Amino acid sequence: MSRPVGRVVRVVLVLAAVLALAACAAGSNDVAAVGATQLDGFWPGLWHGFISPFTFLVSLFKDSVSIYEVHNNGNWYNFGFMIGVSAIFSGPARSGAARQRRRRTERASS
């Protein structure tokens, strides 16, 4: 009896995941050029990428805070943002890989 219930739970979880991912799909940004006197470029994009983990946490509790600046100049802002995000999120991964390499070398030399 638990087998059909487990299957139903799995199907519901998969459907919920698909709906959540579909809700995150990028769409058109109608407010990007409305009332913008100065558009953010590469350097603000880089900074926003660096602080994105903290900004995300704050945005969960405050509606006035968003992760991504919609008043940007396009590709240069996106490029800076992606470099900032990748620098923040690849640092811990790289340090873990280096630690594993050191352990392997220490074991091999022992």
PDB file of N, CA and C in Angstrom:
ATOM      1  N   MET A   1       0.815  -1.197   0.000  1.00  0.00           N
ATOM      2  CA  MET A   1       0.000   0.000   0.000  1.00  0.00           C
ATOM      3  C   MET A   1       0.857   1.259   0.000  1.00  0.00           C
ATOM      4  N   SER A   2       2.033   1.197   0.592  1.00  0.00           N
ATOM      5  CA  SER A   2       2.889   2.382   0.643  1.00  0.00           C
ATOM      6  C   SER A   2       3.501   2.696  -0.711  1.00  0.00           C
ATOM      7  N   ARG A   3       3.598   1.698  -1.566  1.00  0.00           N
ATOM      8  CA  ARG A   3       4.197   1.918  -2.872  1.00  0.00           C
ATOM      9  C   ARG A   3       3.396   2.892  -3.730  1.00  0.00           C
ATOM     10  N   PRO A   4       2.076   2.736  -3.886  1.00  0.00           N
ATOM     11  CA  PRO A   4       1.318   3.712  -4.678  1.00  0.00           C
ATOM     12  C   PRO A   4       1.327   5.109  -4.067  1.00  0.00           C
ATOM     13  N   VAL A   5       1.327   5.197  -2.747  1.00  0.00           N
ATOM     14  CA  VAL A   5       1.364   6.500  -2.089  1.00  0.00           C
ATOM     15  C   VAL A   5       2.697   7.183  -2.370  1.00  0.00           C
ATOM     16  N   GLY A   6       3.781   6.422  -2.313  1.00  0.00           N
ATOM     17  CA  GLY A   6       5.098   6.979  -2.615  1.00  0.00           C
ATOM     18  C   GLY A   6       5.189   7.464  -4.050  1.00  0.00           C
ATOM     19  N   ARG A   7       4.552   6.743  -4.952  1.00  0.00           N
ATOM     20  CA  ARG A   7       4.559   7.146  -6.353  1.00  0.00           C
ATOM     21  C   ARG A   7       3.764   8.428  -6.555  1.00  0.00           C
ATOM     22  N   VAL A   8       2.642   8.548  -5.883  1.00  0.00           N
ATOM     23  CA  VAL A   8       1.827   9.765  -5.970  1.00  0.00           C
ATOM     24  C   VAL A   8       2.598  10.954  -5.420  1.00  0.00           C
ATOM     25  N   VAL A   9       3.288  10.743  -4.313  1.00  0.00           N
ATOM     26  CA  VAL A   9       4.082  11.821  -3.721  1.00  0.00           C
ATOM     27  C   VAL A   9       5.174  12.255  -4.696  1.00  0.00           C
ATOM     28  N   ARG A  10       5.837  11.290  -5.341  1.00  0.00           N
ATOM     29  CA  ARG A  10       6.882  11.626  -6.316  1.00  0.00           C
ATOM     30  C   ARG A  10       6.323  12.426  -7.484  1.00  0.00           C
ATOM     31  N   VAL A  11       5.173  12.013  -7.991  1.00  0.00           N
ATOM     32  CA  VAL A  11       4.559  12.718  -9.117  1.00  0.00           C
ATOM     33  C   VAL A  11       4.193  14.143  -8.713  1.00  0.00           C
ATOM     34  N   VAL A  12       3.649  14.314  -7.521  1.00  0.00           N
ATOM     35  CA  VAL A  12       3.287  15.648  -7.037  1.00  0.00           C
ATOM     36  C   VAL A  12       4.537  16.512  -6.878  1.00  0.00           C
ATOM     37  N   LEU A  13       5.607  15.930  -6.350  1.00  0.00           N
ATOM     38  CA  LEU A  13       6.850  16.692  -6.183  1.00  0.00           C
ATOM     39  C   LEU A  13       7.443  17.101  -7.526  1.00  0.00           C
ATOM     40  N   VAL A  14       7.407  16.201  -8.502  1.00  0.00           N
ATOM     41  CA  VAL A  14       7.926  16.532  -9.837  1.00  0.00           C
ATOM     42  C   VAL A  14       7.086  17.637 -10.467  1.00  0.00           C
ATOM     43  N   LEU A  15       5.777  17.547 -10.349  1.00  0.00           N
ATOM     44  CA  LEU A  15       4.911  18.601 -10.895  1.00  0.00           C
ATOM     45  C   LEU A  15       5.155  19.944 -10.207  1.00  0.00           C
ATOM     46  N   ALA A  16       5.343  19.918  -8.906  1.00  0.00           N
ATOM     47  CA  ALA A  16       5.631  21.155  -8.175  1.00  0.00           C
ATOM     48  C   ALA A  16       6.967  21.749  -8.623  1.00  0.00           C
ATOM     49  N   ALA A  17       7.966  20.893  -8.833  1.00  0.00           N
ATOM     50  CA  ALA A  17       9.272  21.382  -9.291  1.00  0.00           C
ATOM     51  C   ALA A  17       9.171  21.978 -10.684  1.00  0.00           C
ATOM     52  N   VAL A  18       8.425  21.335 -11.568  1.00  0.00           N
ATOM     53  CA  VAL A  18       8.255  21.856 -12.934  1.00  0.00           C
ATOM     54  C   VAL A  18       7.541  23.206 -12.900  1.00  0.00           C
ATOM     55  N   LEU A  19       6.514  23.330 -12.087  1.00  0.00           N
ATOM     56  CA  LEU A  19       5.805  24.609 -11.972  1.00  0.00           C
ATOM     57  C   LEU A  19       6.706  25.696 -11.390  1.00  0.00           C
ATOM     58  N   ALA A  20       7.506  25.344 -10.391  1.00  0.00           N
ATOM     59  CA  ALA A  20       8.408  26.329  -9.795  1.00  0.00           C
ATOM     60  C   ALA A  20       9.452  26.789 -10.807  1.00  0.00           C
ATOM     61  N   LEU A  21      10.009  25.860 -11.583  1.00  0.00           N
ATOM     62  CA  LEU A  21      10.994  26.239 -12.593  1.00  0.00           C
ATOM     63  C   LEU A  21      10.360  27.059 -13.705  1.00  0.00           C
ATOM     64  N   ALA A  22       9.141  26.739 -14.073  1.00  0.00           N
ATOM     65  CA  ALA A  22       8.454  27.515 -15.111  1.00  0.00           C
ATOM     66  C   ALA A  22       8.173  28.933 -14.626  1.00  0.00           C
ATOM     67  N   ALA A  23       7.924  29.093 -13.345  1.00  0.00           N
ATOM     68  CA  ALA A  23       7.670  30.426 -12.794  1.00  0.00           C
ATOM     69  C   ALA A  23       8.931  31.282 -12.810  1.00  0.00           C
ATOM     70  N   CYS A  24      10.101  30.650 -12.842  1.00  0.00           N
ATOM     71  CA  CYS A  24      11.362  31.389 -12.843  1.00  0.00           C
ATOM     72  C   CYS A  24      11.842  31.745 -14.243  1.00  0.00           C
ATOM     73  N   ALA A  25      11.120  31.356 -15.262  1.00  0.00           N
ATOM     74  CA  ALA A  25      11.545  31.629 -16.628  1.00  0.00           C
ATOM     75  C   ALA A  25      11.581  33.128 -16.889  1.00  0.00           C
ATOM     76  N   ALA A  26      12.581  33.554 -17.610  1.00  0.00           N
ATOM     77  CA  ALA A  26      12.741  34.976 -17.890  1.00  0.00           C
ATOM     78  C   ALA A  26      11.674  35.458 -18.867  1.00  0.00           C
ATOM     79  N   GLY A  27      11.209  36.646 -18.628  1.00  0.00           N
ATOM     80  CA  GLY A  27      10.230  37.256 -19.515  1.00  0.00           C
ATOM     81  C   GLY A  27      10.673  38.649 -19.899  1.00  0.00           C
ATOM     82  N   SER A  28       9.821  39.363 -20.605  1.00  0.00           N
ATOM     83  CA  SER A  28      10.189  40.714 -21.010  1.00  0.00           C
ATOM     84  C   SER A  28      10.165  41.646 -19.809  1.00  0.00           C
ATOM     85  N   ASN A  29      11.017  42.649 -19.843  1.00  0.00           N
ATOM     86  CA  ASN A  29      11.113  43.607 -18.751  1.00  0.00           C
ATOM     87  C   ASN A  29      10.578  44.940 -19.242  1.00  0.00           C
ATOM     88  N   ASP A  30       9.335  45.212 -18.957  1.00  0.00           N
ATOM     89  CA  ASP A  30       8.687  46.417 -19.462  1.00  0.00           C
ATOM     90  C   ASP A  30       9.102  47.681 -18.728  1.00  0.00           C
ATOM     91  N   VAL A  31       9.683  47.571 -17.552  1.00  0.00           N
ATOM     92  CA  VAL A  31      10.020  48.750 -16.769  1.00  0.00           C
ATOM     93  C   VAL A  31      11.495  49.122 -16.854  1.00  0.00           C
ATOM     94  N   ALA A  32      12.263  48.449 -17.670  1.00  0.00           N
ATOM     95  CA  ALA A  32      13.705  48.672 -17.698  1.00  0.00           C
ATOM     96  C   ALA A  32      14.080  50.082 -18.121  1.00  0.00           C
ATOM     97  N   ALA A  33      13.374  50.675 -19.051  1.00  0.00           N
ATOM     98  CA  ALA A  33      13.756  51.995 -19.550  1.00  0.00           C
ATOM     99  C   ALA A  33      12.809  53.099 -19.074  1.00  0.00           C
ATOM    100  N   VAL A  34      11.907  52.793 -18.178  1.00  0.00           N
ATOM    101  CA  VAL A  34      10.929  53.784 -17.716  1.00  0.00           C
ATOM    102  C   VAL A  34      11.542  54.630 -16.606  1.00  0.00           C
ATOM    103  N   GLY A  35      11.663  55.898 -16.827  1.00  0.00           N
ATOM    104  CA  GLY A  35      12.114  56.844 -15.808  1.00  0.00           C
ATOM    105  C   GLY A  35      13.552  56.680 -15.369  1.00  0.00           C
ATOM    106  N   ALA A  36      14.380  56.055 -16.146  1.00  0.00           N
ATOM    107  CA  ALA A  36      15.768  55.855 -15.767  1.00  0.00           C
ATOM    108  C   ALA A  36      16.605  57.013 -16.285  1.00  0.00           C
ATOM    109  N   THR A  37      17.229  57.753 -15.371  1.00  0.00           N
ATOM    110  CA  THR A  37      18.108  58.842 -15.786  1.00  0.00           C
ATOM    111  C   THR A  37      19.533  58.352 -15.981  1.00  0.00           C
ATOM    112  N   GLN A  38      19.927  57.327 -15.232  1.00  0.00           N
ATOM    113  CA  GLN A  38      21.269  56.773 -15.361  1.00  0.00           C
ATOM    114  C   GLN A  38      21.152  55.256 -15.361  1.00  0.00           C
ATOM    115  N   LEU A  39      21.753  54.617 -16.335  1.00  0.00           N
ATOM    116  CA  LEU A  39      21.707  53.163 -16.435  1.00  0.00           C
ATOM    117  C   LEU A  39      22.984  52.562 -15.871  1.00  0.00           C
ATOM    118  N   ASP A  40      22.838  51.478 -15.121  1.00  0.00           N
ATOM    119  CA  ASP A  40      23.998  50.800 -14.557  1.00  0.00           C
ATOM    120  C   ASP A  40      24.736  50.035 -15.643  1.00  0.00           C
ATOM    121  N   GLY A  41      26.054  49.986 -15.502  1.00  0.00           N
ATOM    122  CA  GLY A  41      26.895  49.304 -16.475  1.00  0.00           C
ATOM    123  C   GLY A  41      27.673  48.165 -15.858  1.00  0.00           C
ATOM    124  N   PHE A  42      28.895  47.971 -16.335  1.00  0.00           N
ATOM    125  CA  PHE A  42      29.716  46.830 -15.926  1.00  0.00           C
ATOM    126  C   PHE A  42      30.035  46.832 -14.437  1.00  0.00           C
ATOM    127  N   TRP A  43      30.572  47.935 -13.910  1.00  0.00           N
ATOM    128  CA  TRP A  43      31.029  47.960 -12.516  1.00  0.00           C
ATOM    129  C   TRP A  43      29.891  47.780 -11.513  1.00  0.00           C
ATOM    130  N   PRO A  44      28.758  48.469 -11.680  1.00  0.00           N
ATOM    131  CA  PRO A  44      27.644  48.169 -10.764  1.00  0.00           C
ATOM    132  C   PRO A  44      27.139  46.729 -10.919  1.00  0.00           C
ATOM    133  N   GLY A  45      27.187  46.192 -12.143  1.00  0.00           N
ATOM    134  CA  GLY A  45      26.793  44.799 -12.343  1.00  0.00           C
ATOM    135  C   GLY A  45      27.716  43.845 -11.612  1.00  0.00           C
ATOM    136  N   LEU A  46      29.019  44.123 -11.657  1.00  0.00           N
ATOM    137  CA  LEU A  46      29.997  43.306 -10.955  1.00  0.00           C
ATOM    138  C   LEU A  46      29.729  43.339  -9.448  1.00  0.00           C
ATOM    139  N   TRP A  47      29.501  44.534  -8.917  1.00  0.00           N
ATOM    140  CA  TRP A  47      29.214  44.685  -7.496  1.00  0.00           C
ATOM    141  C   TRP A  47      27.922  43.959  -7.116  1.00  0.00           C
ATOM    142  N   HIS A  48      26.881  44.109  -7.927  1.00  0.00           N
ATOM    143  CA  HIS A  48      25.617  43.442  -7.628  1.00  0.00           C
ATOM    144  C   HIS A  48      25.776  41.923  -7.681  1.00  0.00           C
ATOM    145  N   GLY A  49      26.659  41.431  -8.539  1.00  0.00           N
ATOM    146  CA  GLY A  49      26.938  40.000  -8.571  1.00  0.00           C
ATOM    147  C   GLY A  49      27.648  39.532  -7.315  1.00  0.00           C
ATOM    148  N   PHE A  50      28.619  40.338  -6.832  1.00  0.00           N
ATOM    149  CA  PHE A  50      29.336  39.993  -5.603  1.00  0.00           C
ATOM    150  C   PHE A  50      28.392  39.911  -4.406  1.00  0.00           C
ATOM    151  N   ILE A  51      27.481  40.857  -4.306  1.00  0.00           N
ATOM    152  CA  ILE A  51      26.617  40.915  -3.124  1.00  0.00           C
ATOM    153  C   ILE A  51      25.302  40.158  -3.310  1.00  0.00           C
ATOM    154  N   SER A  52      25.151  39.445  -4.417  1.00  0.00           N
ATOM    155  CA  SER A  52      23.877  38.780  -4.707  1.00  0.00           C
ATOM    156  C   SER A  52      23.429  37.773  -3.642  1.00  0.00           C
ATOM    157  N   PRO A  53      24.305  36.983  -3.008  1.00  0.00           N
ATOM    158  CA  PRO A  53      23.799  36.076  -1.972  1.00  0.00           C
ATOM    159  C   PRO A  53      23.170  36.828  -0.795  1.00  0.00           C
ATOM    160  N   PHE A  54      23.798  37.927  -0.392  1.00  0.00           N
ATOM    161  CA  PHE A  54      23.263  38.701   0.724  1.00  0.00           C
ATOM    162  C   PHE A  54      21.997  39.452   0.306  1.00  0.00           C
ATOM    163  N   THR A  55      22.021  39.986  -0.910  1.00  0.00           N
ATOM    164  CA  THR A  55      20.851  40.694  -1.422  1.00  0.00           C
ATOM    165  C   THR A  55      19.656  39.755  -1.526  1.00  0.00           C
ATOM    166  N   PHE A  56      19.918  38.510  -1.919  1.00  0.00           N
ATOM    167  CA  PHE A  56      18.835  37.535  -2.016  1.00  0.00           C
ATOM    168  C   PHE A  56      18.196  37.310  -0.651  1.00  0.00           C
ATOM    169  N   LEU A  57      19.016  37.151   0.380  1.00  0.00           N
ATOM    170  CA  LEU A  57      18.461  36.935   1.719  1.00  0.00           C
ATOM    171  C   LEU A  57      17.630  38.124   2.180  1.00  0.00           C
ATOM    172  N   VAL A  58      18.117  39.336   1.926  1.00  0.00           N
ATOM    173  CA  VAL A  58      17.369  40.526   2.318  1.00  0.00           C
ATOM    174  C   VAL A  58      16.084  40.635   1.511  1.00  0.00           C
ATOM    175  N   SER A  59      16.138  40.272   0.229  1.00  0.00           N
ATOM    176  CA  SER A  59      14.953  40.394  -0.628  1.00  0.00           C
ATOM    177  C   SER A  59      13.830  39.454  -0.207  1.00  0.00           C
ATOM    178  N   LEU A  60      14.157  38.419   0.539  1.00  0.00           N
ATOM    179  CA  LEU A  60      13.112  37.522   1.032  1.00  0.00           C
ATOM    180  C   LEU A  60      12.211  38.210   2.052  1.00  0.00           C
ATOM    181  N   PHE A  61      12.761  39.206   2.742  1.00  0.00           N
ATOM    182  CA  PHE A  61      12.019  39.860   3.812  1.00  0.00           C
ATOM    183  C   PHE A  61      11.584  41.278   3.485  1.00  0.00           C
ATOM    184  N   LYS A  62      12.189  41.896   2.472  1.00  0.00           N
ATOM    185  CA  LYS A  62      11.844  43.274   2.097  1.00  0.00           C
ATOM    186  C   LYS A  62      11.475  43.322   0.616  1.00  0.00           C
ATOM    187  N   ASP A  63      10.299  43.828   0.322  1.00  0.00           N
ATOM    188  CA  ASP A  63       9.849  43.921  -1.067  1.00  0.00           C
ATOM    189  C   ASP A  63      10.585  44.990  -1.858  1.00  0.00           C
ATOM    190  N   SER A  64      11.180  45.960  -1.184  1.00  0.00           N
ATOM    191  CA  SER A  64      11.849  47.055  -1.884  1.00  0.00           C
ATOM    192  C   SER A  64      13.251  46.690  -2.363  1.00  0.00           C
ATOM    193  N   VAL A  65      13.750  45.515  -2.005  1.00  0.00           N
ATOM    194  CA  VAL A  65      15.102  45.095  -2.387  1.00  0.00           C
ATOM    195  C   VAL A  65      14.990  44.022  -3.461  1.00  0.00           C
ATOM    196  N   SER A  66      15.738  44.207  -4.547  1.00  0.00           N
ATOM    197  CA  SER A  66      15.780  43.181  -5.588  1.00  0.00           C
ATOM    198  C   SER A  66      17.233  42.834  -5.893  1.00  0.00           C
ATOM    199  N   ILE A  67      17.448  41.655  -6.415  1.00  0.00           N
ATOM    200  CA  ILE A  67      18.802  41.165  -6.675  1.00  0.00           C
ATOM    201  C   ILE A  67      19.404  41.837  -7.900  1.00  0.00           C
ATOM    202  N   TYR A  68      18.599  42.069  -8.904  1.00  0.00           N
ATOM    203  CA  TYR A  68      19.075  42.503 -10.208  1.00  0.00           C
ATOM    204  C   TYR A  68      18.539  43.892 -10.512  1.00  0.00           C
ATOM    205  N   GLU A  69      19.400  44.799 -10.925  1.00  0.00           N
ATOM    206  CA  GLU A  69      18.986  46.165 -11.276  1.00  0.00           C
ATOM    207  C   GLU A  69      18.361  46.174 -12.664  1.00  0.00           C
ATOM    208  N   VAL A  70      17.090  46.544 -12.741  1.00  0.00           N
ATOM    209  CA  VAL A  70      16.416  46.531 -14.039  1.00  0.00           C
ATOM    210  C   VAL A  70      16.799  47.729 -14.900  1.00  0.00           C
ATOM    211  N   HIS A  71      17.277  48.783 -14.291  1.00  0.00           N
ATOM    212  CA  HIS A  71      17.710  49.961 -15.049  1.00  0.00           C
ATOM    213  C   HIS A  71      19.189  49.809 -15.382  1.00  0.00           C
ATOM    214  N   ASN A  72      19.488  48.940 -16.354  1.00  0.00           N
ATOM    215  CA  ASN A  72      20.877  48.691 -16.721  1.00  0.00           C
ATOM    216  C   ASN A  72      21.056  48.896 -18.216  1.00  0.00           C
ATOM    217  N   ASN A  73      22.325  48.919 -18.630  1.00  0.00           N
ATOM    218  CA  ASN A  73      22.612  49.180 -20.039  1.00  0.00           C
ATOM    219  C   ASN A  73      22.691  47.914 -20.877  1.00  0.00           C
ATOM    220  N   GLY A  74      22.273  46.790 -20.341  1.00  0.00           N
ATOM    221  CA  GLY A  74      22.200  45.571 -21.144  1.00  0.00           C
ATOM    222  C   GLY A  74      23.366  44.638 -20.944  1.00  0.00           C
ATOM    223  N   ASN A  75      24.086  44.373 -22.040  1.00  0.00           N
ATOM    224  CA  ASN A  75      25.099  43.319 -22.032  1.00  0.00           C
ATOM    225  C   ASN A  75      26.249  43.563 -21.065  1.00  0.00           C
ATOM    226  N   TRP A  76      26.704  44.807 -20.933  1.00  0.00           N
ATOM    227  CA  TRP A  76      27.818  45.066 -20.026  1.00  0.00           C
ATOM    228  C   TRP A  76      27.416  44.844 -18.573  1.00  0.00           C
ATOM    229  N   TYR A  77      26.224  45.247 -18.202  1.00  0.00           N
ATOM    230  CA  TYR A  77      25.745  44.986 -16.838  1.00  0.00           C
ATOM    231  C   TYR A  77      25.628  43.477 -16.619  1.00  0.00           C
ATOM    232  N   ASN A  78      25.044  42.773 -17.588  1.00  0.00           N
ATOM    233  CA  ASN A  78      24.890  41.321 -17.462  1.00  0.00           C
ATOM    234  C   ASN A  78      26.239  40.629 -17.335  1.00  0.00           C
ATOM    235  N   PHE A  79      27.211  41.076 -18.122  1.00  0.00           N
ATOM    236  CA  PHE A  79      28.552  40.502 -18.074  1.00  0.00           C
ATOM    237  C   PHE A  79      29.178  40.697 -16.695  1.00  0.00           C
ATOM    238  N   GLY A  80      29.106  41.904 -16.169  1.00  0.00           N
ATOM    239  CA  GLY A  80      29.643  42.176 -14.830  1.00  0.00           C
ATOM    240  C   GLY A  80      28.919  41.382 -13.759  1.00  0.00           C
ATOM    241  N   PHE A  81      27.601  41.297 -13.866  1.00  0.00           N
ATOM    242  CA  PHE A  81      26.812  40.557 -12.885  1.00  0.00           C
ATOM    243  C   PHE A  81      27.223  39.083 -12.875  1.00  0.00           C
ATOM    244  N   MET A  82      27.369  38.499 -14.050  1.00  0.00           N
ATOM    245  CA  MET A  82      27.725  37.084 -14.124  1.00  0.00           C
ATOM    246  C   MET A  82      29.150  36.822 -13.624  1.00  0.00           C
ATOM    247  N   ILE A  83      30.073  37.740 -13.889  1.00  0.00           N
ATOM    248  CA  ILE A  83      31.428  37.577 -13.352  1.00  0.00           C
ATOM    249  C   ILE A  83      31.394  37.647 -11.830  1.00  0.00           C
ATOM    250  N   GLY A  84      30.631  38.596 -11.288  1.00  0.00           N
ATOM    251  CA  GLY A  84      30.514  38.715  -9.837  1.00  0.00           C
ATOM    252  C   GLY A  84      29.897  37.489  -9.200  1.00  0.00           C
ATOM    253  N   VAL A  85      28.830  36.991  -9.782  1.00  0.00           N
ATOM    254  CA  VAL A  85      28.169  35.797  -9.243  1.00  0.00           C
ATOM    255  C   VAL A  85      29.093  34.593  -9.335  1.00  0.00           C
ATOM    256  N   SER A  86      29.753  34.419 -10.473  1.00  0.00           N
ATOM    257  CA  SER A  86      30.625  33.253 -10.622  1.00  0.00           C
ATOM    258  C   SER A  86      31.840  33.342  -9.707  1.00  0.00           C
ATOM    259  N   ALA A  87      32.342  34.538  -9.459  1.00  0.00           N
ATOM    260  CA  ALA A  87      33.478  34.687  -8.541  1.00  0.00           C
ATOM    261  C   ALA A  87      33.075  34.316  -7.122  1.00  0.00           C
ATOM    262  N   ILE A  88      31.889  34.714  -6.723  1.00  0.00           N
ATOM    263  CA  ILE A  88      31.432  34.416  -5.368  1.00  0.00           C
ATOM    264  C   ILE A  88      31.154  32.922  -5.202  1.00  0.00           C
ATOM    265  N   PHE A  89      30.464  32.322  -6.172  1.00  0.00           N
ATOM    266  CA  PHE A  89      30.054  30.931  -6.011  1.00  0.00           C
ATOM    267  C   PHE A  89      31.107  29.923  -6.439  1.00  0.00           C
ATOM    268  N   SER A  90      32.133  30.321  -7.175  1.00  0.00           N
ATOM    269  CA  SER A  90      33.160  29.354  -7.553  1.00  0.00           C
ATOM    270  C   SER A  90      34.295  29.326  -6.546  1.00  0.00           C
ATOM    271  N   GLY A  91      34.441  30.342  -5.726  1.00  0.00           N
ATOM    272  CA  GLY A  91      35.503  30.379  -4.727  1.00  0.00           C
ATOM    273  C   GLY A  91      35.437  29.230  -3.740  1.00  0.00           C
ATOM    274  N   PRO A  92      34.285  29.015  -3.074  1.00  0.00           N
ATOM    275  CA  PRO A  92      34.203  27.896  -2.133  1.00  0.00           C
ATOM    276  C   PRO A  92      34.389  26.540  -2.809  1.00  0.00           C
ATOM    277  N   ALA A  93      33.888  26.396  -4.019  1.00  0.00           N
ATOM    278  CA  ALA A  93      34.037  25.121  -4.727  1.00  0.00           C
ATOM    279  C   ALA A  93      35.495  24.854  -5.056  1.00  0.00           C
ATOM    280  N   ARG A  94      36.190  25.886  -5.492  1.00  0.00           N
ATOM    281  CA  ARG A  94      37.592  25.721  -5.837  1.00  0.00           C
ATOM    282  C   ARG A  94      38.428  25.392  -4.604  1.00  0.00           C
ATOM    283  N   SER A  95      38.131  26.009  -3.463  1.00  0.00           N
ATOM    284  CA  SER A  95      38.909  25.737  -2.261  1.00  0.00           C
ATOM    285  C   SER A  95      38.679  24.315  -1.778  1.00  0.00           C
ATOM    286  N   GLY A  96      37.464  23.787  -1.952  1.00  0.00           N
ATOM    287  CA  GLY A  96      37.204  22.397  -1.589  1.00  0.00           C
ATOM    288  C   GLY A  96      37.974  21.435  -2.458  1.00  0.00           C
ATOM    289  N   ALA A  97      38.061  21.733  -3.743  1.00  0.00           N
ATOM    290  CA  ALA A  97      38.810  20.874  -4.659  1.00  0.00           C
ATOM    291  C   ALA A  97      40.296  20.902  -4.318  1.00  0.00           C
ATOM    292  N   ALA A  98      40.803  22.071  -3.960  1.00  0.00           N
ATOM    293  CA  ALA A  98      42.215  22.177  -3.600  1.00  0.00           C
ATOM    294  C   ALA A  98      42.512  21.371  -2.334  1.00  0.00           C
ATOM    295  N   ARG A  99      41.593  21.396  -1.387  1.00  0.00           N
ATOM    296  CA  ARG A  99      41.777  20.642  -0.153  1.00  0.00           C
ATOM    297  C   ARG A  99      41.831  19.141  -0.442  1.00  0.00           C
ATOM    298  N   GLN A 100      40.964  18.670  -1.354  1.00  0.00           N
ATOM    299  CA  GLN A 100      40.979  17.252  -1.711  1.00  0.00           C
ATOM    300  C   GLN A 100      42.288  16.877  -2.393  1.00  0.00           C
ATOM    301  N   ARG A 101      42.783  17.764  -3.261  1.00  0.00           N
ATOM    302  CA  ARG A 101      44.053  17.488  -3.930  1.00  0.00           C
ATOM    303  C   ARG A 101      45.192  17.380  -2.915  1.00  0.00           C
ATOM    304  N   ARG A 102      45.196  18.289  -1.921  1.00  0.00           N
ATOM    305  CA  ARG A 102      46.249  18.246  -0.899  1.00  0.00           C
ATOM    306  C   ARG A 102      46.180  16.947  -0.105  1.00  0.00           C
ATOM    307  N   ARG A 103      44.970  16.507   0.221  1.00  0.00           N
ATOM    308  CA  ARG A 103      44.822  15.256   0.981  1.00  0.00           C
ATOM    309  C   ARG A 103      45.339  14.069   0.166  1.00  0.00           C
ATOM    310  N   ARG A 104      45.020  14.054  -1.126  1.00  0.00           N
ATOM    311  CA  ARG A 104      45.499  12.954  -1.976  1.00  0.00           C
ATOM    312  C   ARG A 104      47.000  12.940  -2.068  1.00  0.00           C
ATOM    313  N   THR A 105      47.607  14.117  -2.177  1.00  0.00           N
ATOM    314  CA  THR A 105      49.063  14.196  -2.269  1.00  0.00           C
ATOM    315  C   THR A 105      49.701  13.761  -0.947  1.00  0.00           C
ATOM    316  N   GLU A 106      49.084  14.154   0.162  1.00  0.00           N
ATOM    317  CA  GLU A 106      49.633  13.752   1.457  1.00  0.00           C
ATOM    318  C   GLU A 106      49.538  12.244   1.631  1.00  0.00           C
ATOM    319  N   ARG A 107      48.425  11.645   1.208  1.00  0.00           N
ATOM    320  CA  ARG A 107      48.284  10.195   1.326  1.00  0.00           C
ATOM    321  C   ARG A 107      49.280   9.465   0.426  1.00  0.00           C
ATOM    322  N   ALA A 108      49.484  10.000  -0.765  1.00  0.00           N
ATOM    323  CA  ALA A 108      50.399   9.353  -1.715  1.00  0.00           C
ATOM    324  C   ALA A 108      51.837   9.430  -1.219  1.00  0.00           C
ATOM    325  N   SER A 109      52.196  10.526  -0.559  1.00  0.00           N
ATOM    326  CA  SER A 109      53.572  10.679  -0.091  1.00  0.00           C
ATOM    327  C   SER A 109      53.834   9.931   1.203  1.00  0.00           C
ATOM    328  N   SER A 110      52.788   9.527   1.912  1.00  0.00           N
ATOM    329  CA  SER A 110      52.971   8.818   3.185  1.00  0.00           C
ATOM    330  C   SER A 110      53.328   7.382   2.994  1.00  0.00           C
TER     331      SER A 110
END
